[in-house]
C-alpha atoms as a PDB file:
ATOM      1  CA  MET A   1    -116.578 149.836  79.173  1.00  0.00           C
ATOM      2  CA  ARG A   2    -119.884 150.768  78.176  1.00  0.00           C
ATOM      3  CA  ILE A   3    -120.589 154.350  79.037  1.00  0.00           C
ATOM      4  CA  LYS A   4    -124.114 156.115  78.542  1.00  0.00           C
ATOM      5  CA  LEU A   5    -124.542 159.017  76.665  1.00  0.00           C
ATOM      6  CA  VAL A   6    -126.394 160.613  79.235  1.00  0.00           C
ATOM      7  CA  ALA A   7    -123.606 159.704  81.737  1.00  0.00           C
ATOM      8  CA  ALA A   8    -120.557 160.656  79.412  1.00  0.00           C
ATOM      9  CA  ALA A   9    -122.044 164.162  78.655  1.00  0.00           C
ATOM     10  CA  ALA A  10    -122.588 165.044  82.620  1.00  0.00           C
ATOM     11  CA  ILE A  11    -119.062 163.949  83.120  1.00  0.00           C
ATOM     12  CA  LEU A  12    -117.924 166.131  80.082  1.00  0.00           C
ATOM     13  CA  ALA A  13    -119.947 168.845  81.100  1.00  0.00           C
ATOM     14  CA  ALA A  14    -118.460 169.034  85.159  1.00  0.00           C
ATOM     15  CA  THR A  15    -116.348 166.987  86.420  1.00  0.00           C
ATOM     16  CA  THR A  16    -116.228 167.414  90.251  1.00  0.00           C
ATOM     17  CA  GLY A  17    -113.562 164.545  91.118  1.00  0.00           C
ATOM     18  CA  GLN A  18    -110.725 165.083  93.130  1.00  0.00           C
ATOM     19  CA  ALA A  19    -107.252 166.080  91.062  1.00  0.00           C
ATOM     20  CA  VAL A  20    -105.026 163.302  90.319  1.00  0.00           C
ATOM     21  CA  GLU A  21    -101.428 163.849  92.026  1.00  0.00           C
ATOM     22  CA  SER A  22     -97.993 163.510  90.104  1.00  0.00           C
ATOM     23  CA  GLN A  23     -97.552 159.474  91.046  1.00  0.00           C
ATOM     24  CA  PRO A  24     -96.800 156.614  88.969  1.00  0.00           C
ATOM     25  CA  VAL A  25     -99.254 154.390  88.141  1.00  0.00           C
ATOM     26  CA  PRO A  26     -98.045 150.609  88.707  1.00  0.00           C
ATOM     27  CA  THR A  27     -96.335 148.484  86.206  1.00  0.00           C
ATOM     28  CA  PRO A  28     -98.959 145.691  85.175  1.00  0.00           C
ATOM     29  CA  PRO A  29     -97.996 142.317  83.924  1.00  0.00           C
ATOM     30  CA  ALA A  30     -96.295 142.117  80.701  1.00  0.00           C
ATOM     31  CA  LEU A  31     -98.959 141.034  77.744  1.00  0.00           C
ATOM     32  CA  SER A  32     -98.483 138.432  75.754  1.00  0.00           C
ATOM     33  CA  TYR A  33     -99.200 138.454  71.268  1.00  0.00           C
ATOM     34  CA  ALA A  34    -102.671 137.312  72.503  1.00  0.00           C
ATOM     35  CA  ASP A  35    -103.664 139.313  75.022  1.00  0.00           C
ATOM     36  CA  LEU A  36    -102.488 142.486  72.704  1.00  0.00           C
ATOM     37  CA  ALA A  37    -104.496 140.570  69.614  1.00  0.00           C
ATOM     38  CA  ASP A  38    -107.473 140.554  72.040  1.00  0.00           C
ATOM     39  CA  LEU A  39    -107.225 143.752  72.627  1.00  0.00           C
ATOM     40  CA  ALA A  40    -106.240 145.172  69.364  1.00  0.00           C
ATOM     41  CA  LEU A  41    -108.474 143.292  66.869  1.00  0.00           C
ATOM     42  CA  SER A  42    -111.461 144.275  68.661  1.00  0.00           C
ATOM     43  CA  ALA A  43    -110.790 148.198  68.898  1.00  0.00           C
ATOM     44  CA  PRO A  44    -111.731 150.100  65.922  1.00  0.00           C
ATOM     45  CA  ILE A  45    -109.349 153.136  67.292  1.00  0.00           C
ATOM     46  CA  VAL A  46    -105.432 152.268  68.580  1.00  0.00           C
ATOM     47  CA  ALA A  47    -103.847 155.833  69.525  1.00  0.00           C
ATOM     48  CA  HIS A  48    -100.316 156.973  71.577  1.00  0.00           C
ATOM     49  CA  VAL A  49    -101.782 159.847  73.740  1.00  0.00           C
ATOM     50  CA  ARG A  50    -100.202 161.939  76.838  1.00  0.00           C
ATOM     51  CA  VAL A  51    -102.164 162.622  79.313  1.00  0.00           C
ATOM     52  CA  ALA A  52    -102.897 166.286  79.461  1.00  0.00           C
ATOM     53  CA  ASP A  53    -104.797 166.301  82.641  1.00  0.00           C
ATOM     54  CA  ALA A  54    -106.731 163.482  85.027  1.00  0.00           C
ATOM     55  CA  ASP A  55    -109.182 163.911  87.301  1.00  0.00           C
ATOM     56  CA  ARG A  56    -110.356 160.859  90.285  1.00  0.00           C
ATOM     57  CA  LEU A  57    -114.326 160.977  90.386  1.00  0.00           C
ATOM     58  CA  ASP A  58    -116.287 160.923  93.056  1.00  0.00           C
ATOM     59  CA  ALA A  59    -118.509 158.109  93.491  1.00  0.00           C
ATOM     60  CA  GLU A  60    -121.899 159.822  92.621  1.00  0.00           C
ATOM     61  CA  LEU A  61    -120.430 160.290  89.056  1.00  0.00           C
ATOM     62  CA  ALA A  62    -118.894 156.759  88.931  1.00  0.00           C
ATOM     63  CA  PRO A  63    -121.733 153.754  89.469  1.00  0.00           C
ATOM     64  CA  ASN A  64    -120.266 150.326  89.486  1.00  0.00           C
ATOM     65  CA  VAL A  65    -116.647 150.814  89.528  1.00  0.00           C
ATOM     66  CA  PRO A  66    -115.083 147.329  90.746  1.00  0.00           C
ATOM     67  CA  ALA A  67    -114.114 146.864  94.346  1.00  0.00           C
ATOM     68  CA  GLY A  68    -110.999 148.207  95.271  1.00  0.00           C
ATOM     69  CA  HIS A  69    -110.992 150.344  92.051  1.00  0.00           C
ATOM     70  CA  ARG A  70    -111.557 154.701  90.959  1.00  0.00           C
ATOM     71  CA  ARG A  71    -113.022 155.916  87.922  1.00  0.00           C
ATOM     72  CA  PHE A  72    -110.770 158.302  86.254  1.00  0.00           C
ATOM     73  CA  LEU A  73    -111.955 160.836  83.720  1.00  0.00           C
ATOM     74  CA  VAL A  74    -108.480 161.354  81.766  1.00  0.00           C
ATOM     75  CA  GLU A  75    -108.010 164.214  79.194  1.00  0.00           C
ATOM     76  CA  ALA A  76    -105.088 163.069  76.405  1.00  0.00           C
ATOM     77  CA  ASP A  77    -103.584 164.490  73.543  1.00  0.00           C
ATOM     78  CA  VAL A  78    -103.038 162.514  70.978  1.00  0.00           C
ATOM     79  CA  VAL A  79     -99.912 161.877  69.995  1.00  0.00           C
ATOM     80  CA  ALA A  80    -100.092 159.098  67.036  1.00  0.00           C
ATOM     81  CA  LEU A  81    -103.156 157.303  66.066  1.00  0.00           C
ATOM     82  CA  ILE A  82    -102.088 153.969  64.853  1.00  0.00           C
ATOM     83  CA  ARG A  83    -105.304 152.486  63.877  1.00  0.00           C
ATOM     84  CA  GLY A  84    -108.620 154.632  63.328  1.00  0.00           C
ATOM     85  CA  SER A  85    -110.522 155.441  59.832  1.00  0.00           C
ATOM     86  CA  GLY A  86    -111.054 158.948  59.548  1.00  0.00           C
ATOM     87  CA  GLY A  87    -109.262 160.201  62.093  1.00  0.00           C
ATOM     88  CA  ILE A  88    -109.703 161.218  65.994  1.00  0.00           C
ATOM     89  CA  GLU A  89    -109.501 164.800  67.842  1.00  0.00           C
ATOM     90  CA  GLY A  90    -106.223 166.168  68.533  1.00  0.00           C
ATOM     91  CA  ARG A  91    -107.365 165.866  72.405  1.00  0.00           C
ATOM     92  CA  VAL A  92    -109.808 163.190  73.741  1.00  0.00           C
ATOM     93  CA  SER A  93    -111.100 161.967  76.699  1.00  0.00           C
ATOM     94  CA  TYR A  94    -112.167 158.665  78.271  1.00  0.00           C
ATOM     95  CA  LEU A  95    -112.652 157.222  81.635  1.00  0.00           C
ATOM     96  CA  VAL A  96    -110.384 154.180  83.077  1.00  0.00           C
ATOM     97  CA  ASP A  97    -111.132 152.239  86.350  1.00  0.00           C
ATOM     98  CA  MET A  98    -107.815 151.871  87.957  1.00  0.00           C
ATOM     99  CA  PRO A  99    -106.700 150.146  91.705  1.00  0.00           C
ATOM    100  CA  ALA A 100    -107.917 153.088  94.563  1.00  0.00           C
ATOM    101  CA  ASP A 101    -103.875 153.267  95.156  1.00  0.00           C
ATOM    102  CA  SER A 102    -102.981 154.199  91.589  1.00  0.00           C
ATOM    103  CA  ARG A 103    -102.201 157.870  89.913  1.00  0.00           C
ATOM    104  CA  LEU A 104    -102.141 158.524  86.774  1.00  0.00           C
ATOM    105  CA  ARG A 105     -98.876 161.002  86.051  1.00  0.00           C
ATOM    106  CA  ARG A 106     -99.505 163.631  83.902  1.00  0.00           C
ATOM    107  CA  ARG A 107     -97.234 163.994  80.442  1.00  0.00           C
ATOM    108  CA  SER A 108     -97.578 160.029  81.205  1.00  0.00           C
ATOM    109  CA  GLU A 109     -97.753 158.164  78.250  1.00  0.00           C
ATOM    110  CA  HIS A 110    -100.083 155.255  76.965  1.00  0.00           C
ATOM    111  CA  LEU A 111    -101.803 153.172  74.234  1.00  0.00           C
ATOM    112  CA  VAL A 112    -105.379 153.632  74.179  1.00  0.00           C
ATOM    113  CA  LEU A 113    -107.574 150.811  72.149  1.00  0.00           C
ATOM    114  CA  ALA A 114    -111.063 152.161  72.356  1.00  0.00           C
ATOM    115  CA  ARG A 115    -114.151 152.683  70.025  1.00  0.00           C
ATOM    116  CA  ARG A 116    -115.956 156.434  69.635  1.00  0.00           C
ATOM    117  CA  ALA A 117    -118.855 157.317  72.014  1.00  0.00           C
ATOM    118  CA  PRO A 118    -122.071 157.618  69.971  1.00  0.00           C
ATOM    119  CA  ASN A 119    -122.013 161.535  69.034  1.00  0.00           C
ATOM    120  CA  ARG A 120    -119.137 162.772  71.294  1.00  0.00           C
ATOM    121  CA  PRO A 121    -116.000 162.811  68.428  1.00  0.00           C
ATOM    122  CA  ALA A 122    -113.553 163.854  71.128  1.00  0.00           C
ATOM    123  CA  MET A 123    -115.128 161.237  73.841  1.00  0.00           C
ATOM    124  CA  LEU A 124    -113.880 157.284  73.370  1.00  0.00           C
ATOM    125  CA  GLN A 125    -114.591 154.409  75.360  1.00  0.00           C
ATOM    126  CA  LEU A 126    -111.886 151.157  76.030  1.00  0.00           C
ATOM    127  CA  VAL A 127    -112.807 148.663  74.361  1.00  0.00           C
ATOM    128  CA  ALA A 128    -112.044 146.549  77.824  1.00  0.00           C
ATOM    129  CA  PRO A 129    -111.470 147.865  81.191  1.00  0.00           C
ATOM    130  CA  ASP A 130    -107.495 147.438  80.799  1.00  0.00           C
ATOM    131  CA  ALA A 131    -107.523 148.809  77.367  1.00  0.00           C
ATOM    132  CA  GLN A 132    -104.936 151.701  78.722  1.00  0.00           C
ATOM    133  CA  LEU A 133    -101.480 150.571  78.466  1.00  0.00           C
ATOM    134  CA  PRO A 134     -98.122 152.184  79.678  1.00  0.00           C
ATOM    135  CA  TYR A 135     -96.312 153.251  76.170  1.00  0.00           C
ATOM    136  CA  THR A 136     -93.314 151.626  74.689  1.00  0.00           C
ATOM    137  CA  PRO A 137     -92.103 151.257  71.569  1.00  0.00           C
ATOM    138  CA  GLU A 138     -91.841 148.306  71.261  1.00  0.00           C
ATOM    139  CA  ALA A 139     -95.409 147.730  73.091  1.00  0.00           C
ATOM    140  CA  ALA A 140     -96.837 150.067  69.975  1.00  0.00           C
ATOM    141  CA  GLU A 141     -94.767 148.059  67.370  1.00  0.00           C
ATOM    142  CA  ARG A 142     -95.964 144.769  68.515  1.00  0.00           C
ATOM    143  CA  LEU A 143     -99.675 146.440  67.656  1.00  0.00           C
ATOM    144  CA  ARG A 144     -98.805 148.224  64.226  1.00  0.00           C
ATOM    145  CA  ALA A 145     -97.556 144.384  63.341  1.00  0.00           C
ATOM    146  CA  ILE A 146    -100.848 142.789  64.783  1.00  0.00           C
ATOM    147  CA  LEU A 147    -103.021 145.500  62.801  1.00  0.00           C
ATOM    148  CA  ARG A 148    -101.047 144.967  59.445  1.00  0.00           C
ATOM    149  CA  GLU A 149    -101.365 141.811  59.598  1.00  0.00           C
ATOM    150  CA  ALA A 150    -104.966 141.977  60.467  1.00  0.00           C
ATOM    151  CA  GLY A 151    -105.704 144.502  57.553  1.00  0.00           C
ATOM    152  CA  ALA A 152    -103.923 142.667  54.891  1.00  0.00           C
ATOM    153  CA  ALA A 153    -105.020 141.128  51.686  1.00  0.00           C
ATOM    154  CA  GLY A 154    -106.179 137.095  52.663  1.00  0.00           C
ATOM    155  CA  ALA A 155    -105.281 137.622  56.102  1.00  0.00           C
ATOM    156  CA  PRO A 156    -106.741 134.594  58.035  1.00  0.00           C
ATOM    157  CA  ALA A 157    -110.038 134.454  58.744  1.00  0.00           C
ATOM    158  CA  ARG A 158    -111.611 134.571  62.551  1.00  0.00           C
ATOM    159  CA  ILE A 159    -112.702 130.737  63.086  1.00  0.00           C
ATOM    160  CA  THR A 160    -116.090 130.328  64.678  1.00  0.00           C
ATOM    161  CA  GLY A 161    -115.913 126.251  64.762  1.00  0.00           C
ATOM    162  CA  ILE A 162    -115.012 122.852  62.847  1.00  0.00           C
ATOM    163  CA  GLY A 163    -116.852 121.168  60.802  1.00  0.00           C
ATOM    164  CA  ARG A 164    -115.712 117.884  58.543  1.00  0.00           C
ATOM    165  CA  ALA A 165    -113.151 116.111  59.383  1.00  0.00           C
ATOM    166  CA  PHE A 166    -111.539 113.298  56.513  1.00  0.00           C
ATOM    167  CA  HIS A 167    -108.908 110.151  56.853  1.00  0.00           C
ATOM    168  CA  VAL A 168    -107.326 108.403  54.282  1.00  0.00           C
ATOM    169  CA  PRO A 169    -104.874 105.952  54.814  1.00  0.00           C
ATOM    170  CA  GLY A 170    -102.485 105.581  52.004  1.00  0.00           C
ATOM    171  CA  SER A 171    -101.095 102.412  50.107  1.00  0.00           C
ATOM    172  CA  LEU A 172     -97.964 101.414  52.554  1.00  0.00           C
ATOM    173  CA  ALA A 173     -98.106 100.624  56.333  1.00  0.00           C
ATOM    174  CA  GLY A 174     -97.908 104.351  58.411  1.00  0.00           C
ATOM    175  CA  GLU A 175     -99.290 106.190  55.884  1.00  0.00           C
ATOM    176  CA  SER A 176    -102.178 108.687  55.903  1.00  0.00           C
ATOM    177  CA  GLU A 177    -103.751 111.869  55.130  1.00  0.00           C
ATOM    178  CA  THR A 178    -105.878 113.825  57.523  1.00  0.00           C
ATOM    179  CA  GLN A 179    -107.900 116.810  56.877  1.00  0.00           C
ATOM    180  CA  ILE A 180    -109.661 118.837  59.212  1.00  0.00           C
ATOM    181  CA  PHE A 181    -111.940 121.897  57.587  1.00  0.00           C
ATOM    182  CA  LEU A 182    -112.311 124.796  59.596  1.00  0.00           C
ATOM    183  CA  GLN A 183    -115.581 127.203  59.931  1.00  0.00           C
ATOM    184  CA  THR A 184    -114.869 130.780  59.652  1.00  0.00           C
ATOM    185  CA  HIS A 185    -117.072 134.264  59.945  1.00  0.00           C
ATOM    186  CA  ASP A 186    -116.996 134.849  56.072  1.00  0.00           C
ATOM    187  CA  GLU A 187    -116.932 131.248  54.949  1.00  0.00           C
ATOM    188  CA  ARG A 188    -113.243 131.477  53.742  1.00  0.00           C
ATOM    189  CA  PRO A 189    -111.660 128.051  53.429  1.00  0.00           C
ATOM    190  CA  ILE A 190    -108.875 127.029  56.153  1.00  0.00           C
ATOM    191  CA  SER A 191    -108.276 123.396  56.352  1.00  0.00           C
ATOM    192  CA  LEU A 192    -105.419 121.544  58.801  1.00  0.00           C
ATOM    193  CA  ASN A 193    -103.507 119.229  57.104  1.00  0.00           C
ATOM    194  CA  VAL A 194    -101.827 116.038  58.537  1.00  0.00           C
ATOM    195  CA  LEU A 195     -99.596 113.948  56.622  1.00  0.00           C
ATOM    196  CA  ARG A 196     -97.494 110.557  57.711  1.00  0.00           C
ATOM    197  CA  ARG A 197     -95.154 108.703  55.810  1.00  0.00           C
ATOM    198  CA  PRO A 198     -93.331 105.638  56.728  1.00  0.00           C
ATOM    199  CA  GLY A 199     -90.006 106.265  58.313  1.00  0.00           C
ATOM    200  CA  GLU A 200     -90.510 110.477  58.316  1.00  0.00           C
ATOM    201  CA  GLN A 201     -91.639 112.280  61.641  1.00  0.00           C
ATOM    202  CA  PRO A 202     -95.267 113.590  60.982  1.00  0.00           C
ATOM    203  CA  ARG A 203     -95.731 116.944  59.167  1.00  0.00           C
ATOM    204  CA  TRP A 204     -98.903 119.271  59.475  1.00  0.00           C
ATOM    205  CA  SER A 205     -99.538 122.599  57.860  1.00  0.00           C
ATOM    206  CA  VAL A 206    -102.042 125.118  57.540  1.00  0.00           C
ATOM    207  CA  ALA A 207    -103.871 125.807  54.193  1.00  0.00           C
ATOM    208  CA  LEU A 208    -106.185 129.017  53.398  1.00  0.00           C
ATOM    209  CA  SER A 209    -107.411 128.184  50.234  1.00  0.00           C
ATOM    210  CA  GLU A 210    -109.006 124.593  48.370  1.00  0.00           C
ATOM    211  CA  MET A 211    -105.521 123.822  47.487  1.00  0.00           C
ATOM    212  CA  VAL A 212    -103.570 122.236  49.866  1.00  0.00           C
ATOM    213  CA  ASP A 213     -99.381 122.572  49.743  1.00  0.00           C
ATOM    214  CA  GLU A 214     -97.551 119.785  51.022  1.00  0.00           C
ATOM    215  CA  ALA A 215     -94.416 121.529  51.820  1.00  0.00           C
ATOM    216  CA  ALA A 216     -96.509 124.332  53.483  1.00  0.00           C
ATOM    217  CA  ALA A 217     -95.044 125.134  57.413  1.00  0.00           C
ATOM    218  CA  PRO A 218     -97.298 124.987  60.500  1.00  0.00           C
ATOM    219  CA  PRO A 219     -97.378 128.920  61.056  1.00  0.00           C
ATOM    220  CA  ALA A 220     -94.979 130.832  63.277  1.00  0.00           C
ATOM    221  CA  PRO A 221     -95.550 131.467  66.371  1.00  0.00           C
ATOM    222  CA  ASP A 222     -96.790 135.090  67.487  1.00  0.00           C
ATOM    223  CA  THR A 223     -98.152 135.468  64.111  1.00  0.00           C
ATOM    224  CA  LEU A 224    -102.223 136.128  63.230  1.00  0.00           C
ATOM    225  CA  LEU A 225    -102.492 132.778  61.800  1.00  0.00           C
ATOM    226  CA  TRP A 226    -101.067 131.376  64.738  1.00  0.00           C
ATOM    227  CA  TYR A 227    -103.224 133.365  67.113  1.00  0.00           C
ATOM    228  CA  ARG A 228    -106.308 132.199  65.012  1.00  0.00           C
ATOM    229  CA  LEU A 229    -105.413 128.819  65.508  1.00  0.00           C
ATOM    230  CA  ALA A 230    -104.509 127.885  68.981  1.00  0.00           C
ATOM    231  CA  CYS A 231    -106.048 130.770  70.495  1.00  0.00           C
ATOM    232  CA  THR A 232    -109.634 129.560  69.029  1.00  0.00           C
ATOM    233  CA  LEU A 233    -109.457 125.485  68.654  1.00  0.00           C
ATOM    234  CA  PRO A 234    -110.841 123.285  71.295  1.00  0.00           C
ATOM    235  CA  ALA A 235    -108.255 121.008  72.794  1.00  0.00           C
ATOM    236  CA  ARG A 236    -109.981 117.815  71.484  1.00  0.00           C
ATOM    237  CA  LEU A 237    -112.440 117.634  68.301  1.00  0.00           C
ATOM    238  CA  PRO A 238    -115.707 117.895  69.064  1.00  0.00           C
ATOM    239  CA  GLY A 239    -117.875 114.288  69.191  1.00  0.00           C
ATOM    240  CA  ASP A 240    -120.045 115.446  66.271  1.00  0.00           C
ATOM    241  CA  VAL A 241    -117.361 116.140  64.295  1.00  0.00           C
ATOM    242  CA  LEU A 242    -116.718 112.446  64.144  1.00  0.00           C
ATOM    243  CA  ARG A 243    -119.876 111.392  64.105  1.00  0.00           C
ATOM    244  CA  GLU A 244    -119.965 109.646  60.317  1.00  0.00           C
ATOM    245  CA  ALA A 245    -116.195 108.155  60.969  1.00  0.00           C
ATOM    246  CA  GLY A 246    -115.846 104.927  62.365  1.00  0.00           C
ATOM    247  CA  SER A 247    -113.941 104.019  65.361  1.00  0.00           C
ATOM    248  CA  GLU A 248    -110.324 103.085  63.751  1.00  0.00           C
ATOM    249  CA  GLU A 249    -110.818 106.366  61.470  1.00  0.00           C
ATOM    250  CA  ALA A 250    -112.042 108.276  64.407  1.00  0.00           C
ATOM    251  CA  GLN A 251    -108.895 107.445  66.979  1.00  0.00           C
ATOM    252  CA  ALA A 252    -106.514 108.768  63.759  1.00  0.00           C
ATOM    253  CA  ILE A 253    -108.245 111.713  63.301  1.00  0.00           C
ATOM    254  CA  GLN A 254    -107.997 112.712  67.109  1.00  0.00           C
ATOM    255  CA  ALA A 255    -104.133 111.560  66.916  1.00  0.00           C
ATOM    256  CA  ASP A 256    -103.099 113.889  64.182  1.00  0.00           C
ATOM    257  CA  TYR A 257    -105.451 117.383  65.724  1.00  0.00           C
ATOM    258  CA  ARG A 258    -103.297 116.334  68.791  1.00  0.00           C
ATOM    259  CA  LEU A 259    -100.150 116.628  67.016  1.00  0.00           C
ATOM    260  CA  VAL A 260    -101.370 119.927  65.756  1.00  0.00           C
ATOM    261  CA  ILE A 261    -102.656 121.259  69.119  1.00  0.00           C
ATOM    262  CA  GLU A 262     -99.360 120.434  70.711  1.00  0.00           C
ATOM    263  CA  GLY A 263     -97.528 121.746  67.992  1.00  0.00           C
ATOM    264  CA  LEU A 264     -99.216 125.105  68.191  1.00  0.00           C
ATOM    265  CA  GLY A 265     -98.367 125.641  71.438  1.00  0.00           C
ATOM    266  CA  PRO A 266    -100.795 127.289  74.753  1.00  0.00           C
ATOM    267  CA  CYS A 267    -102.209 130.349  74.024  1.00  0.00           C
ATOM    268  CA  THR A 268    -100.374 131.908  76.814  1.00  0.00           C
ATOM    269  CA  ARG A 269    -102.612 135.489  78.338  1.00  0.00           C
ATOM    270  CA  SER A 270    -101.809 136.927  81.269  1.00  0.00           C
ATOM    271  CA  ARG A 271    -105.202 139.317  81.719  1.00  0.00           C
ATOM    272  CA  ALA A 272    -108.378 137.960  82.014  1.00  0.00           C
ATOM    273  CA  ARG A 273    -110.614 138.430  79.180  1.00  0.00           C
ATOM    274  CA  ARG A 274    -113.564 140.760  79.435  1.00  0.00           C
END
């Protein structure tokens, strides 16, 4: 959500909305690993907060609210900072749009994924309309695990496209190797590698360097590397990747690419990406 500085200042200076009653918020659908990763990786601040006060804003202070929703100004105490270089204030404020029949209970606890509002250290902006999540220890730990992986040395880079692809037949019938090179935002190497040998199940792996380890296993589900691949790669190789390959080579590369996609499984999301 983008909040203009002038509007945010006006809201913080004088809130004329109706105070929120102490009623529970409807439970949203359970979030998948991909849902949480989408939010966490885009959020400079991730915090566990406890609601101190919340006001439902009048229409003139809440433009562009989706139909069937109301905008709330929330004041919350920070229980724990999960991510946020430089720290944040002990009490923060933020705006959130919720269904019109929703209520925010005082002292209810949430996870907020946000960025700092310009020049207002105690004001946060949620990175997505649904980036206020009900707090549970399990959800907090899942977010911490994602952020630990993302911050580790050698963490898999964000994939931006697919580069070249090669297929090399072996000396025996049914033997081959395919390499598909991926493009990343920081130009670090990532490649998909598929080995086929007579009498064996085909094996595929991912290399995060120039060296290919034939003994490497595919990435485990619900890990950052799995997310980077399963939630980014297209279902089929783009035609320009195969423009230099002959017909048989192109068919072999597409077959090996399908093997990888099937091995990764679907990138399941329960929330709409904003």
